PDB file of N, CA and C in Angstrom:
ATOM      1  N   MET A   1      18.880  11.968  -3.253  1.00  0.00           N
ATOM      2  CA  MET A   1      19.125  11.237  -2.781  1.00  0.00           C
ATOM      3  C   MET A   1      18.968   9.568  -2.938  1.00  0.00           C
ATOM      4  N   VAL A   2      19.307   8.934  -2.751  1.00  0.00           N
ATOM      5  CA  VAL A   2      19.573   7.499  -3.021  1.00  0.00           C
ATOM      6  C   VAL A   2      19.539   6.324  -1.626  1.00  0.00           C
ATOM      7  N   ILE A   3      18.502   5.789  -1.413  1.00  0.00           N
ATOM      8  CA  ILE A   3      18.560   4.945   0.093  1.00  0.00           C
ATOM      9  C   ILE A   3      18.230   3.005  -0.452  1.00  0.00           C
ATOM     10  N   PHE A   4      19.063   2.405  -0.333  1.00  0.00           N
ATOM     11  CA  PHE A   4      19.308   0.913  -0.527  1.00  0.00           C
ATOM     12  C   PHE A   4      18.364  -0.088   0.031  1.00  0.00           C
ATOM     13  N   ALA A   5      16.726  -0.418   0.695  1.00  0.00           N
ATOM     14  CA  ALA A   5      16.125  -0.702   1.382  1.00  0.00           C
ATOM     15  C   ALA A   5      16.605  -2.542   1.252  1.00  0.00           C
ATOM     16  N   LYS A   6      17.671  -2.657   1.535  1.00  0.00           N
ATOM     17  CA  LYS A   6      17.485  -3.987   1.769  1.00  0.00           C
ATOM     18  C   LYS A   6      17.025  -4.630   2.309  1.00  0.00           C
ATOM     19  N   GLY A   7      15.773  -5.742   2.203  1.00  0.00           N
ATOM     20  CA  GLY A   7      15.554  -6.438   3.787  1.00  0.00           C
ATOM     21  C   GLY A   7      14.024  -5.330   4.458  1.00  0.00           C
ATOM     22  N   ALA A   8      13.783  -4.427   4.062  1.00  0.00           N
ATOM     23  CA  ALA A   8      13.140  -2.987   4.820  1.00  0.00           C
ATOM     24  C   ALA A   8      11.633  -3.163   4.046  1.00  0.00           C
ATOM     25  N   TRP A   9      11.351  -3.975   4.461  1.00  0.00           N
ATOM     26  CA  TRP A   9       9.722  -4.197   3.854  1.00  0.00           C
ATOM     27  C   TRP A   9       8.987  -3.549   5.679  1.00  0.00           C
ATOM     28  N   HIS A  10       9.004  -3.231   6.651  1.00  0.00           N
ATOM     29  CA  HIS A  10       8.700  -3.318   7.588  1.00  0.00           C
ATOM     30  C   HIS A  10       8.860  -1.566   7.902  1.00  0.00           C
ATOM     31  N   ALA A  11       9.663  -1.066   6.749  1.00  0.00           N
ATOM     32  CA  ALA A  11      10.041   0.759   6.638  1.00  0.00           C
ATOM     33  C   ALA A  11       9.379   1.309   5.633  1.00  0.00           C
ATOM     34  N   LEU A  12       8.888   0.771   4.703  1.00  0.00           N
ATOM     35  CA  LEU A  12       8.067   1.087   3.218  1.00  0.00           C
ATOM     36  C   LEU A  12       7.707   2.779   3.800  1.00  0.00           C
ATOM     37  N   GLU A  13       6.918   2.709   4.026  1.00  0.00           N
ATOM     38  CA  GLU A  13       5.584   3.715   4.360  1.00  0.00           C
ATOM     39  C   GLU A  13       6.492   4.804   5.262  1.00  0.00           C
ATOM     40  N   LEU A  14       7.508   4.783   6.074  1.00  0.00           N
ATOM     41  CA  LEU A  14       8.484   5.398   6.476  1.00  0.00           C
ATOM     42  C   LEU A  14       9.694   6.260   5.244  1.00  0.00           C
ATOM     43  N   LEU A  15       9.993   5.208   4.498  1.00  0.00           N
ATOM     44  CA  LEU A  15      10.895   5.810   3.664  1.00  0.00           C
ATOM     45  C   LEU A  15       9.643   6.545   2.312  1.00  0.00           C
ATOM     46  N   GLY A  16       8.689   5.861   2.381  1.00  0.00           N
ATOM     47  CA  GLY A  16       8.254   6.983   1.715  1.00  0.00           C
ATOM     48  C   GLY A  16       7.735   8.240   2.483  1.00  0.00           C
ATOM     49  N   GLU A  17       7.588   9.170   3.561  1.00  0.00           N
ATOM     50  CA  GLU A  17       7.752  10.374   4.322  1.00  0.00           C
ATOM     51  C   GLU A  17       9.103  10.821   3.982  1.00  0.00           C
ATOM     52  N   SER A  18      10.102   9.917   3.966  1.00  0.00           N
ATOM     53  CA  SER A  18      11.506  10.563   4.125  1.00  0.00           C
ATOM     54  C   SER A  18      12.156  11.753   3.215  1.00  0.00           C
ATOM     55  N   ASP A  19      13.243  12.056   3.182  1.00  0.00           N
ATOM     56  CA  ASP A  19      13.724  12.640   2.349  1.00  0.00           C
ATOM     57  C   ASP A  19      14.070  12.610   0.992  1.00  0.00           C
ATOM     58  N   TYR A  20      14.622  11.193   1.271  1.00  0.00           N
ATOM     59  CA  TYR A  20      15.117  10.283   0.001  1.00  0.00           C
ATOM     60  C   TYR A  20      14.189  10.510  -1.190  1.00  0.00           C
ATOM     61  N   ASP A  21      15.322  10.392  -2.344  1.00  0.00           N
ATOM     62  CA  ASP A  21      14.449  10.967  -3.257  1.00  0.00           C
ATOM     63  C   ASP A  21      14.273   9.386  -4.390  1.00  0.00           C
ATOM     64  N   ILE A  22      14.918   8.671  -3.957  1.00  0.00           N
ATOM     65  CA  ILE A  22      14.810   7.793  -4.802  1.00  0.00           C
ATOM     66  C   ILE A  22      14.925   5.960  -3.847  1.00  0.00           C
ATOM     67  N   ILE A  23      13.920   5.135  -3.933  1.00  0.00           N
ATOM     68  CA  ILE A  23      13.736   4.008  -2.695  1.00  0.00           C
ATOM     69  C   ILE A  23      14.435   2.793  -3.724  1.00  0.00           C
ATOM     70  N   SER A  24      15.422   2.397  -3.417  1.00  0.00           N
ATOM     71  CA  SER A  24      16.264   1.484  -4.319  1.00  0.00           C
ATOM     72  C   SER A  24      15.656  -0.276  -3.098  1.00  0.00           C
ATOM     73  N   LEU A  25      14.887  -0.845  -4.322  1.00  0.00           N
ATOM     74  CA  LEU A  25      14.367  -1.868  -3.656  1.00  0.00           C
ATOM     75  C   LEU A  25      15.138  -3.917  -3.992  1.00  0.00           C
ATOM     76  N   ASP A  26      15.580  -4.412  -3.295  1.00  0.00           N
ATOM     77  CA  ASP A  26      16.107  -5.326  -3.680  1.00  0.00           C
ATOM     78  C   ASP A  26      14.734  -6.760  -4.097  1.00  0.00           C
ATOM     79  N   TRP A  27      16.112  -7.563  -4.355  1.00  0.00           N
ATOM     80  CA  TRP A  27      14.835  -8.763  -5.641  1.00  0.00           C
ATOM     81  C   TRP A  27      13.649  -9.114  -4.844  1.00  0.00           C
ATOM     82  N   THR A  28      13.358  -8.977  -3.349  1.00  0.00           N
ATOM     83  CA  THR A  28      12.502  -9.988  -2.527  1.00  0.00           C
ATOM     84  C   THR A  28      11.021  -8.884  -2.387  1.00  0.00           C
ATOM     85  N   HIS A  29      10.916  -7.637  -2.990  1.00  0.00           N
ATOM     86  CA  HIS A  29      10.204  -6.951  -2.787  1.00  0.00           C
ATOM     87  C   HIS A  29       9.399  -6.909  -3.680  1.00  0.00           C
ATOM     88  N   ASP A  30       8.006  -7.065  -3.679  1.00  0.00           N
ATOM     89  CA  ASP A  30       7.319  -6.936  -4.196  1.00  0.00           C
ATOM     90  C   ASP A  30       6.766  -5.573  -5.235  1.00  0.00           C
ATOM     91  N   PRO A  31       6.929  -5.450  -6.402  1.00  0.00           N
ATOM     92  CA  PRO A  31       7.106  -3.735  -6.683  1.00  0.00           C
ATOM     93  C   PRO A  31       5.708  -3.644  -6.769  1.00  0.00           C
ATOM     94  N   VAL A  32       4.156  -3.670  -7.452  1.00  0.00           N
ATOM     95  CA  VAL A  32       3.249  -3.887  -7.026  1.00  0.00           C
ATOM     96  C   VAL A  32       2.963  -3.069  -5.312  1.00  0.00           C
ATOM     97  N   GLN A  33       3.181  -4.072  -4.434  1.00  0.00           N
ATOM     98  CA  GLN A  33       3.045  -3.790  -3.334  1.00  0.00           C
ATOM     99  C   GLN A  33       3.865  -2.513  -2.986  1.00  0.00           C
ATOM    100  N   ALA A  34       5.053  -2.510  -2.778  1.00  0.00           N
ATOM    101  CA  ALA A  34       6.141  -1.237  -2.433  1.00  0.00           C
ATOM    102  C   ALA A  34       5.406   0.232  -2.501  1.00  0.00           C
ATOM    103  N   ARG A  35       5.146  -0.011  -4.299  1.00  0.00           N
ATOM    104  CA  ARG A  35       4.081   1.368  -4.523  1.00  0.00           C
ATOM    105  C   ARG A  35       3.173   1.807  -4.098  1.00  0.00           C
ATOM    106  N   LYS A  36       2.207   0.913  -3.333  1.00  0.00           N
ATOM    107  CA  LYS A  36       1.111   0.769  -2.872  1.00  0.00           C
ATOM    108  C   LYS A  36       1.577   1.913  -1.674  1.00  0.00           C
ATOM    109  N   ARG A  37       2.631   1.011  -0.819  1.00  0.00           N
ATOM    110  CA  ARG A  37       2.997   1.463   0.775  1.00  0.00           C
ATOM    111  C   ARG A  37       4.155   2.261   0.822  1.00  0.00           C
ATOM    112  N   VAL A  38       4.920   2.944  -0.391  1.00  0.00           N
ATOM    113  CA  VAL A  38       5.439   4.135  -0.451  1.00  0.00           C
ATOM    114  C   VAL A  38       4.781   5.516  -1.370  1.00  0.00           C
ATOM    115  N   GLY A  39       4.290   5.279  -2.127  1.00  0.00           N
ATOM    116  CA  GLY A  39       2.852   6.184  -2.573  1.00  0.00           C
ATOM    117  C   GLY A  39       3.651   6.685  -3.760  1.00  0.00           C
ATOM    118  N   PRO A  40       2.830   7.677  -4.270  1.00  0.00           N
ATOM    119  CA  PRO A  40       3.713   7.834  -5.845  1.00  0.00           C
ATOM    120  C   PRO A  40       4.521   9.001  -6.090  1.00  0.00           C
ATOM    121  N   LYS A  41       5.025  10.034  -5.400  1.00  0.00           N
ATOM    122  CA  LYS A  41       6.066  10.779  -4.387  1.00  0.00           C
ATOM    123  C   LYS A  41       7.135  10.564  -4.809  1.00  0.00           C
ATOM    124  N   LYS A  42       7.823   9.063  -4.696  1.00  0.00           N
ATOM    125  CA  LYS A  42       9.098   8.714  -4.827  1.00  0.00           C
ATOM    126  C   LYS A  42       9.393   7.973  -5.712  1.00  0.00           C
ATOM    127  N   ILE A  43      10.341   7.557  -6.011  1.00  0.00           N
ATOM    128  CA  ILE A  43      11.020   7.090  -7.419  1.00  0.00           C
ATOM    129  C   ILE A  43      11.539   5.895  -6.814  1.00  0.00           C
ATOM    130  N   LEU A  44      10.792   4.764  -7.286  1.00  0.00           N
ATOM    131  CA  LEU A  44      11.481   3.469  -6.883  1.00  0.00           C
ATOM    132  C   LEU A  44      12.397   3.033  -8.366  1.00  0.00           C
ATOM    133  N   GLN A  45      13.511   2.059  -7.512  1.00  0.00           N
ATOM    134  CA  GLN A  45      14.657   1.753  -8.627  1.00  0.00           C
ATOM    135  C   GLN A  45      14.580   0.156  -7.987  1.00  0.00           C
ATOM    136  N   GLY A  46      15.318  -0.790  -8.973  1.00  0.00           N
ATOM    137  CA  GLY A  46      15.652  -2.038  -8.313  1.00  0.00           C
ATOM    138  C   GLY A  46      14.664  -3.059  -9.055  1.00  0.00           C
ATOM    139  N   ASN A  47      15.167  -3.803  -8.222  1.00  0.00           N
ATOM    140  CA  ASN A  47      13.823  -5.395  -7.733  1.00  0.00           C
ATOM    141  C   ASN A  47      14.353  -6.683  -8.869  1.00  0.00           C
ATOM    142  N   MET A  48      15.285  -6.394 -10.025  1.00  0.00           N
ATOM    143  CA  MET A  48      15.695  -7.852 -10.459  1.00  0.00           C
ATOM    144  C   MET A  48      16.480  -8.524  -9.878  1.00  0.00           C
ATOM    145  N   ASP A  49      16.500  -9.569  -9.617  1.00  0.00           N
ATOM    146  CA  ASP A  49      17.557 -10.332  -9.057  1.00  0.00           C
ATOM    147  C   ASP A  49      18.871 -10.675  -9.529  1.00  0.00           C
ATOM    148  N   PRO A  50      19.829 -10.626  -8.953  1.00  0.00           N
ATOM    149  CA  PRO A  50      21.344 -10.528  -9.815  1.00  0.00           C
ATOM    150  C   PRO A  50      21.405 -11.592 -10.517  1.00  0.00           C
ATOM    151  N   ASN A  51      20.814 -12.873  -9.931  1.00  0.00           N
ATOM    152  CA  ASN A  51      21.492 -13.966 -10.221  1.00  0.00           C
ATOM    153  C   ASN A  51      20.439 -14.783 -11.547  1.00  0.00           C
ATOM    154  N   GLY A  52      19.208 -13.384 -11.924  1.00  0.00           N
ATOM    155  CA  GLY A  52      19.019 -13.892 -13.336  1.00  0.00           C
ATOM    156  C   GLY A  52      19.482 -13.502 -14.165  1.00  0.00           C
ATOM    157  N   LEU A  53      20.943 -12.674 -14.477  1.00  0.00           N
ATOM    158  CA  LEU A  53      22.114 -12.482 -15.430  1.00  0.00           C
ATOM    159  C   LEU A  53      22.479 -13.874 -15.850  1.00  0.00           C
ATOM    160  N   TYR A  54      22.894 -14.841 -14.665  1.00  0.00           N
ATOM    161  CA  TYR A  54      23.362 -16.336 -15.561  1.00  0.00           C
ATOM    162  C   TYR A  54      22.299 -16.873 -16.826  1.00  0.00           C
ATOM    163  N   GLY A  55      20.609 -15.861 -16.583  1.00  0.00           N
ATOM    164  CA  GLY A  55      19.789 -17.296 -17.030  1.00  0.00           C
ATOM    165  C   GLY A  55      19.797 -16.892 -18.800  1.00  0.00           C
ATOM    166  N   GLY A  56      20.714 -15.984 -19.213  1.00  0.00           N
ATOM    167  CA  GLY A  56      20.654 -15.789 -20.695  1.00  0.00           C
ATOM    168  C   GLY A  56      19.827 -14.334 -20.878  1.00  0.00           C
ATOM    169  N   ARG A  57      19.835 -14.113 -22.224  1.00  0.00           N
ATOM    170  CA  ARG A  57      19.333 -12.770 -22.825  1.00  0.00           C
ATOM    171  C   ARG A  57      17.774 -12.811 -22.484  1.00  0.00           C
ATOM    172  N   PRO A  58      16.798 -14.473 -23.001  1.00  0.00           N
ATOM    173  CA  PRO A  58      15.717 -14.182 -23.104  1.00  0.00           C
ATOM    174  C   PRO A  58      15.051 -14.453 -21.399  1.00  0.00           C
ATOM    175  N   HIS A  59      16.019 -14.815 -20.892  1.00  0.00           N
ATOM    176  CA  HIS A  59      15.015 -14.199 -19.270  1.00  0.00           C
ATOM    177  C   HIS A  59      15.400 -13.358 -18.947  1.00  0.00           C
ATOM    178  N   ILE A  60      16.756 -12.844 -19.034  1.00  0.00           N
ATOM    179  CA  ILE A  60      16.708 -11.056 -18.353  1.00  0.00           C
ATOM    180  C   ILE A  60      15.745 -10.176 -19.136  1.00  0.00           C
ATOM    181  N   THR A  61      15.046 -10.673 -20.664  1.00  0.00           N
ATOM    182  CA  THR A  61      13.983  -9.591 -20.962  1.00  0.00           C
ATOM    183  C   THR A  61      13.129  -9.705 -20.599  1.00  0.00           C
ATOM    184  N   LYS A  62      12.664 -11.098 -20.010  1.00  0.00           N
ATOM    185  CA  LYS A  62      11.240 -10.999 -19.117  1.00  0.00           C
ATOM    186  C   LYS A  62      11.389 -10.753 -18.134  1.00  0.00           C
ATOM    187  N   GLU A  63      12.680 -10.741 -17.076  1.00  0.00           N
ATOM    188  CA  GLU A  63      12.826 -10.546 -15.507  1.00  0.00           C
ATOM    189  C   GLU A  63      12.566  -8.437 -16.022  1.00  0.00           C
ATOM    190  N   VAL A  64      12.975  -7.872 -17.418  1.00  0.00           N
ATOM    191  CA  VAL A  64      13.345  -6.779 -17.677  1.00  0.00           C
ATOM    192  C   VAL A  64      11.458  -6.335 -17.701  1.00  0.00           C
ATOM    193  N   GLU A  65      11.259  -6.839 -18.463  1.00  0.00           N
ATOM    194  CA  GLU A  65       9.346  -6.651 -19.230  1.00  0.00           C
ATOM    195  C   GLU A  65       8.495  -7.045 -17.606  1.00  0.00           C
ATOM    196  N   ARG A  66       8.428  -8.001 -16.287  1.00  0.00           N
ATOM    197  CA  ARG A  66       8.073  -8.240 -15.420  1.00  0.00           C
ATOM    198  C   ARG A  66       8.556  -6.626 -14.602  1.00  0.00           C
ATOM    199  N   ILE A  67       9.305  -5.953 -14.739  1.00  0.00           N
ATOM    200  CA  ILE A  67       9.896  -5.224 -13.532  1.00  0.00           C
ATOM    201  C   ILE A  67       9.114  -3.983 -14.098  1.00  0.00           C
ATOM    202  N   VAL A  68       9.025  -3.805 -15.816  1.00  0.00           N
ATOM    203  CA  VAL A  68       8.471  -2.677 -15.914  1.00  0.00           C
ATOM    204  C   VAL A  68       7.064  -2.419 -15.179  1.00  0.00           C
ATOM    205  N   LYS A  69       6.428  -3.635 -16.275  1.00  0.00           N
ATOM    206  CA  LYS A  69       4.757  -4.028 -15.562  1.00  0.00           C
ATOM    207  C   LYS A  69       4.254  -4.002 -14.310  1.00  0.00           C
ATOM    208  N   ASP A  70       5.248  -4.227 -13.579  1.00  0.00           N
ATOM    209  CA  ASP A  70       5.197  -4.470 -11.923  1.00  0.00           C
ATOM    210  C   ASP A  70       5.094  -3.013 -11.466  1.00  0.00           C
ATOM    211  N   PHE A  71       6.021  -2.053 -12.084  1.00  0.00           N
ATOM    212  CA  PHE A  71       6.122  -0.544 -11.464  1.00  0.00           C
ATOM    213  C   PHE A  71       5.139   0.066 -11.955  1.00  0.00           C
ATOM    214  N   GLY A  72       4.697  -0.349 -13.087  1.00  0.00           N
ATOM    215  CA  GLY A  72       3.131   0.566 -13.630  1.00  0.00           C
ATOM    216  C   GLY A  72       3.314   1.081 -15.059  1.00  0.00           C
ATOM    217  N   GLY A  73       4.345   0.109 -15.268  1.00  0.00           N
ATOM    218  CA  GLY A  73       3.948   0.531 -17.394  1.00  0.00           C
ATOM    219  C   GLY A  73       4.917   1.881 -17.336  1.00  0.00           C
ATOM    220  N   GLY A  74       5.063   2.561 -16.854  1.00  0.00           N
ATOM    221  CA  GLY A  74       5.554   3.927 -17.020  1.00  0.00           C
ATOM    222  C   GLY A  74       4.687   4.429 -17.140  1.00  0.00           C
ATOM    223  N   LYS A  75       3.874   4.380 -15.785  1.00  0.00           N
ATOM    224  CA  LYS A  75       2.686   5.259 -15.340  1.00  0.00           C
ATOM    225  C   LYS A  75       4.014   5.719 -13.556  1.00  0.00           C
ATOM    226  N   GLY A  76       4.393   6.436 -12.838  1.00  0.00           N
ATOM    227  CA  GLY A  76       5.158   7.400 -11.743  1.00  0.00           C
ATOM    228  C   GLY A  76       6.549   6.685 -12.161  1.00  0.00           C
ATOM    229  N   GLY A  77       7.594   7.153 -11.220  1.00  0.00           N
ATOM    230  CA  GLY A  77       9.147   6.676 -11.440  1.00  0.00           C
ATOM    231  C   GLY A  77       9.619   5.971 -11.054  1.00  0.00           C
ATOM    232  N   TYR A  78      10.282   4.973 -12.565  1.00  0.00           N
ATOM    233  CA  TYR A  78      10.934   3.607 -11.840  1.00  0.00           C
ATOM    234  C   TYR A  78      12.337   3.925 -12.393  1.00  0.00           C
ATOM    235  N   ILE A  79      13.274   2.976 -12.025  1.00  0.00           N
ATOM    236  CA  ILE A  79      14.457   2.658 -12.948  1.00  0.00           C
ATOM    237  C   ILE A  79      14.743   1.132 -12.333  1.00  0.00           C
ATOM    238  N   VAL A  80      14.537   0.517 -13.826  1.00  0.00           N
ATOM    239  CA  VAL A  80      15.097  -0.849 -13.809  1.00  0.00           C
ATOM    240  C   VAL A  80      16.275  -0.944 -13.266  1.00  0.00           C
ATOM    241  N   ASN A  81      16.578  -1.815 -12.803  1.00  0.00           N
ATOM    242  CA  ASN A  81      18.028  -2.279 -11.960  1.00  0.00           C
ATOM    243  C   ASN A  81      18.182  -3.314 -11.169  1.00  0.00           C
ATOM    244  N   LEU A  82      19.625  -3.822 -10.669  1.00  0.00           N
ATOM    245  CA  LEU A  82      19.461  -5.031 -10.113  1.00  0.00           C
ATOM    246  C   LEU A  82      18.877  -4.738  -8.589  1.00  0.00           C
ATOM    247  N   GLY A  83      18.472  -5.626  -7.998  1.00  0.00           N
ATOM    248  CA  GLY A  83      18.255  -5.796  -6.633  1.00  0.00           C
ATOM    249  C   GLY A  83      18.826  -5.714  -5.566  1.00  0.00           C
ATOM    250  N   HIS A  84      20.439  -6.525  -6.538  1.00  0.00           N
ATOM    251  CA  HIS A  84      21.744  -6.361  -5.032  1.00  0.00           C
ATOM    252  C   HIS A  84      22.855  -6.266  -5.940  1.00  0.00           C
ATOM    253  N   GLY A  85      23.996  -6.155  -5.680  1.00  0.00           N
ATOM    254  CA  GLY A  85      25.033  -6.357  -6.402  1.00  0.00           C
ATOM    255  C   GLY A  85      25.080  -7.940  -7.153  1.00  0.00           C
ATOM    256  N   ILE A  86      26.356  -7.899  -7.770  1.00  0.00           N
ATOM    257  CA  ILE A  86      26.184  -9.380  -8.354  1.00  0.00           C
ATOM    258  C   ILE A  86      27.692 -10.049  -7.883  1.00  0.00           C
ATOM    259  N   THR A  87      27.300 -11.407  -7.872  1.00  0.00           N
ATOM    260  CA  THR A  87      28.396 -12.497  -7.250  1.00  0.00           C
ATOM    261  C   THR A  87      29.744 -12.269  -8.230  1.00  0.00           C
ATOM    262  N   PRO A  88      30.895 -11.825  -7.895  1.00  0.00           N
ATOM    263  CA  PRO A  88      31.990 -12.113  -8.851  1.00  0.00           C
ATOM    264  C   PRO A  88      31.868 -13.458  -9.442  1.00  0.00           C
ATOM    265  N   VAL A  89      32.771 -13.542 -10.706  1.00  0.00           N
ATOM    266  CA  VAL A  89      32.820 -14.328 -11.507  1.00  0.00           C
ATOM    267  C   VAL A  89      34.485 -15.079 -11.062  1.00  0.00           C
ATOM    268  N   HIS A  90      35.225 -15.890 -10.820  1.00  0.00           N
ATOM    269  CA  HIS A  90      36.374 -16.235 -10.669  1.00  0.00           C
ATOM    270  C   HIS A  90      36.974 -17.114 -11.308  1.00  0.00           C
TER     271      HIS A  90
END
C-alpha cells in the first residue's frame, strides 16, 4: 500500500510505524530528514517538484541526481517520482 504524505511532516514517524509499504513525499519534504524520521524499513517515493519538468533535460537530470543522492544513493528503498501531479497544459 502507498500513502501520499502531502504536507505531512508532522506525521512521518507515525507513517513509519504504519502498515503502509511506501510513503510518497511531496516536493517540500527533505528526503534526508524524511528517511531519518521514517526509519529504514519503508520505501520512500517522490519528491521532485513537478514544475521542474518545465526546466528542460539538464534541469530534470540535475533534479533526479539530487533525489538519488538525497534518498541515499542506492541504499534503502526509494522510488524517484514527482512530488505531486502536474499542471495540465491548455
